[in-house]
Amino acid sequence: MGAWFWLILGLGLTAGCGPAISTHLQQEAGPPVSFAELSAHPEKYQGQLEILGGLVMSVQPWENGSLLEVDQRQLDARLYPTGTASGGTFLAESDKWLDSNWYVPKSKVVVAGVVEGQKNGMLLLKAKEVKYIEPPTWEKYYYPVPREWYPPELEYWYTPPYFDIYRGGGRL
């Protein structure tokens, strides 16, 4: 019974390590084209499937689906968005409803879509697959609370590293 446990655990752990976009769409897309080239000459690549990713800027209802505005980022070997440098902004038109409570600003997505041209000066893709990668990382979880938020008498009570319930919240 122990061997089955380790086999199922191993399969479960490796299931999350696959590529962001399905394999048949990766093969259909072919070799990647730089985002600068795509956004500069979308008519040259019109009708071609491309895979792009980045951070969500907004999602809006659009005809029968949604219009996703994405701040483009480089993709790694598994097609996950990485890095901080943006190449620009692109739009992805999806036939499926993308919930604005799920696709919040700064969350990571990868889009496989057909190049349609430009809309409002931005590259427009007709999405075949939109993959939600991870929610946003908010800075408030990693940095202390700004001191200006509290009156002076409570400054050391609420700001790390002074808050300690065993020492009376920073009072000696």
Protein backbone atom coordinates (compact mmCIF):
# COMPACT_ATOMS: atom_id res chain seq x y z
CA MET A 1 0.00 0.00 0.00
CA GLY A 2 2.94 2.38 0.60
CA ALA A 3 4.05 2.12 -3.05
CA TRP A 4 0.62 3.25 -4.28
CA PHE A 5 0.72 6.24 -1.97
CA TRP A 6 4.10 7.40 -3.31
CA LEU A 7 3.01 6.81 -6.91
CA ILE A 8 -0.16 8.89 -6.52
CA LEU A 9 1.72 11.59 -4.61
CA GLY A 10 4.38 11.76 -7.34
CA LEU A 11 1.76 12.01 -10.09
CA GLY A 12 -0.09 14.71 -8.18
CA LEU A 13 3.05 16.79 -7.70
CA THR A 14 4.13 16.55 -11.34
CA ALA A 15 0.66 17.41 -12.63
CA GLY A 16 1.20 21.08 -11.74
CA CYS A 17 4.54 21.30 -13.54
CA GLY A 18 3.28 21.14 -17.10
CA PRO A 19 3.21 23.93 -19.66
CA ALA A 20 0.67 26.73 -19.38
CA ILE A 21 -0.88 26.18 -22.84
CA SER A 22 -2.02 22.85 -24.28
CA THR A 23 0.45 20.97 -26.47
CA HIS A 24 -1.61 21.00 -29.67
CA LEU A 25 -1.85 24.80 -29.54
CA GLN A 26 1.90 25.06 -28.93
CA GLN A 27 2.56 22.97 -32.05
CA GLU A 28 0.09 25.03 -34.09
CA ALA A 29 1.74 28.28 -32.96
CA GLY A 30 5.18 27.32 -34.20
CA PRO A 31 8.31 29.33 -33.32
CA PRO A 32 7.71 32.41 -31.14
CA VAL A 33 7.80 35.91 -32.64
CA SER A 34 8.97 38.84 -30.52
CA PHE A 35 6.26 41.07 -29.10
CA ALA A 36 7.92 44.17 -30.56
CA GLU A 37 7.69 42.67 -34.06
CA LEU A 38 4.07 41.54 -33.53
CA SER A 39 2.86 44.90 -32.26
CA ALA A 40 4.77 46.84 -34.93
CA HIS A 41 3.51 44.76 -37.90
CA PRO A 42 0.29 42.92 -36.92
CA GLU A 43 -0.90 42.79 -40.54
CA LYS A 44 2.14 40.64 -41.42
CA TYR A 45 1.12 38.02 -38.83
CA GLN A 46 -2.66 38.28 -39.23
CA GLY A 47 -4.34 34.86 -38.94
CA GLN A 48 -1.30 33.31 -37.23
CA LEU A 49 -1.58 31.72 -33.78
CA GLU A 50 0.68 33.31 -31.16
CA ILE A 51 1.22 32.67 -27.45
CA LEU A 52 1.64 35.74 -25.21
CA GLY A 53 1.44 36.28 -21.48
CA GLY A 54 1.66 38.91 -18.80
CA LEU A 55 -0.22 40.74 -16.07
CA VAL A 56 -3.93 41.49 -16.34
CA MET A 57 -4.73 45.20 -16.50
CA SER A 58 -8.50 44.93 -16.94
CA VAL A 59 -11.26 42.64 -18.16
CA GLN A 60 -14.50 43.95 -19.68
CA PRO A 61 -17.65 42.40 -21.10
CA TRP A 62 -17.35 42.26 -24.89
CA GLU A 63 -20.02 41.10 -27.36
CA ASN A 64 -20.48 37.39 -26.46
CA GLY A 65 -17.47 37.11 -24.16
CA SER A 66 -14.79 39.30 -22.62
CA LEU A 67 -12.03 41.67 -23.63
CA LEU A 68 -8.85 41.16 -21.63
CA GLU A 69 -6.19 43.88 -21.50
CA VAL A 70 -2.76 42.45 -20.64
CA ASP A 71 0.59 44.07 -19.85
CA GLN A 72 2.96 41.79 -21.78
CA ARG A 73 5.85 39.92 -20.06
CA GLN A 74 8.44 37.47 -21.35
CA LEU A 75 7.54 33.77 -21.16
CA ASP A 76 9.86 31.09 -19.80
CA ALA A 77 10.33 27.60 -21.26
CA ARG A 78 7.05 26.37 -19.69
CA LEU A 79 5.23 29.45 -21.08
CA TYR A 80 4.77 31.14 -17.70
CA PRO A 81 5.15 34.96 -17.49
CA THR A 82 8.41 36.06 -15.88
CA GLY A 83 10.39 39.22 -15.44
CA THR A 84 9.43 42.79 -14.73
CA ALA A 85 10.12 44.43 -18.09
CA SER A 86 7.00 45.03 -20.14
CA GLY A 87 7.01 44.98 -23.92
CA GLY A 88 3.73 46.88 -24.09
CA THR A 89 0.02 46.12 -23.89
CA PHE A 90 -2.14 43.77 -25.92
CA LEU A 91 -5.82 42.90 -26.03
CA ALA A 92 -7.30 39.40 -26.05
CA GLU A 93 -10.89 38.93 -27.22
CA SER A 94 -12.37 35.78 -25.69
CA ASP A 95 -15.64 34.06 -26.57
CA LYS A 96 -15.86 32.82 -22.98
CA TRP A 97 -16.91 34.93 -20.03
CA LEU A 98 -13.86 35.85 -17.92
CA ASP A 99 -14.94 36.75 -14.41
CA SER A 100 -13.60 40.14 -13.31
CA ASN A 101 -13.53 38.89 -9.70
CA TRP A 102 -11.06 36.18 -10.74
CA TYR A 103 -9.03 38.05 -13.39
CA VAL A 104 -8.10 40.96 -11.15
CA PRO A 105 -5.39 43.50 -12.05
CA LYS A 106 -1.81 42.19 -11.67
CA SER A 107 -2.81 38.51 -11.85
CA LYS A 108 -0.78 36.44 -14.34
CA VAL A 109 -2.30 34.96 -17.51
CA VAL A 110 -1.15 33.29 -20.72
CA VAL A 111 -3.15 33.68 -23.94
CA ALA A 112 -2.97 31.56 -27.08
CA GLY A 113 -4.75 33.48 -29.81
CA VAL A 114 -4.94 34.34 -33.48
CA VAL A 115 -3.60 37.77 -34.47
CA GLU A 116 -6.53 39.92 -35.64
CA GLY A 117 -4.76 43.26 -36.07
CA GLN A 118 -4.87 46.37 -33.88
CA LYS A 119 -7.52 48.00 -31.73
CA ASN A 120 -6.92 51.43 -30.16
CA GLY A 121 -3.23 51.15 -31.10
CA MET A 122 -2.76 47.81 -29.29
CA LEU A 123 -2.24 44.33 -30.68
CA LEU A 124 -5.52 42.37 -30.78
CA LEU A 125 -5.69 38.57 -30.43
CA LYS A 126 -8.75 36.36 -30.84
CA ALA A 127 -8.18 34.00 -27.89
CA LYS A 128 -8.39 30.25 -28.36
CA GLU A 129 -7.20 29.51 -24.82
CA VAL A 130 -6.75 31.79 -21.80
CA LYS A 131 -4.88 30.25 -18.88
CA TYR A 132 -5.03 31.85 -15.43
CA ILE A 133 -1.64 31.32 -13.76
CA GLU A 134 -1.63 32.98 -10.33
CA PRO A 135 -3.25 35.77 -8.33
CA PRO A 136 -1.46 39.07 -7.77
CA THR A 137 1.18 39.52 -5.11
CA TRP A 138 0.17 42.53 -3.10
CA GLU A 139 2.91 44.55 -1.49
CA LYS A 140 0.97 45.06 1.73
CA TYR A 141 1.69 41.46 2.75
CA TYR A 142 5.44 41.94 2.48
CA TYR A 143 6.10 45.44 3.79
CA PRO A 144 5.34 46.98 7.17
CA VAL A 145 2.40 49.28 7.57
CA PRO A 146 3.43 52.89 6.81
CA ARG A 147 3.93 54.95 9.95
CA GLU A 148 1.85 57.85 8.64
CA TRP A 149 -1.28 55.69 8.83
CA TYR A 150 -1.36 55.82 12.63
CA PRO A 151 -1.27 58.61 15.19
CA PRO A 152 2.09 59.01 17.00
CA GLU A 153 0.90 57.34 20.20
CA LEU A 154 0.05 54.13 18.29
CA GLU A 155 3.05 54.14 15.96
CA TYR A 156 5.02 51.40 17.72
CA TRP A 157 1.94 49.42 18.62
CA TYR A 158 1.03 48.51 15.03
CA THR A 159 4.24 48.61 13.04
CA PRO A 160 6.62 45.65 12.84
CA PRO A 161 8.95 44.62 14.40
CA TYR A 162 7.62 46.30 17.54
CA PHE A 163 4.31 44.49 17.74
CA ASP A 164 4.72 41.68 20.22
CA ILE A 165 1.73 40.43 22.21
CA TYR A 166 4.00 39.03 24.91
CA ARG A 167 5.63 42.39 25.61
CA GLY A 168 2.48 44.47 25.54
CA GLY A 169 2.63 45.49 21.89
CA GLY A 170 5.99 47.25 21.99
CA ARG A 171 5.65 48.88 25.38
CA LEU A 172 8.49 48.07 27.75
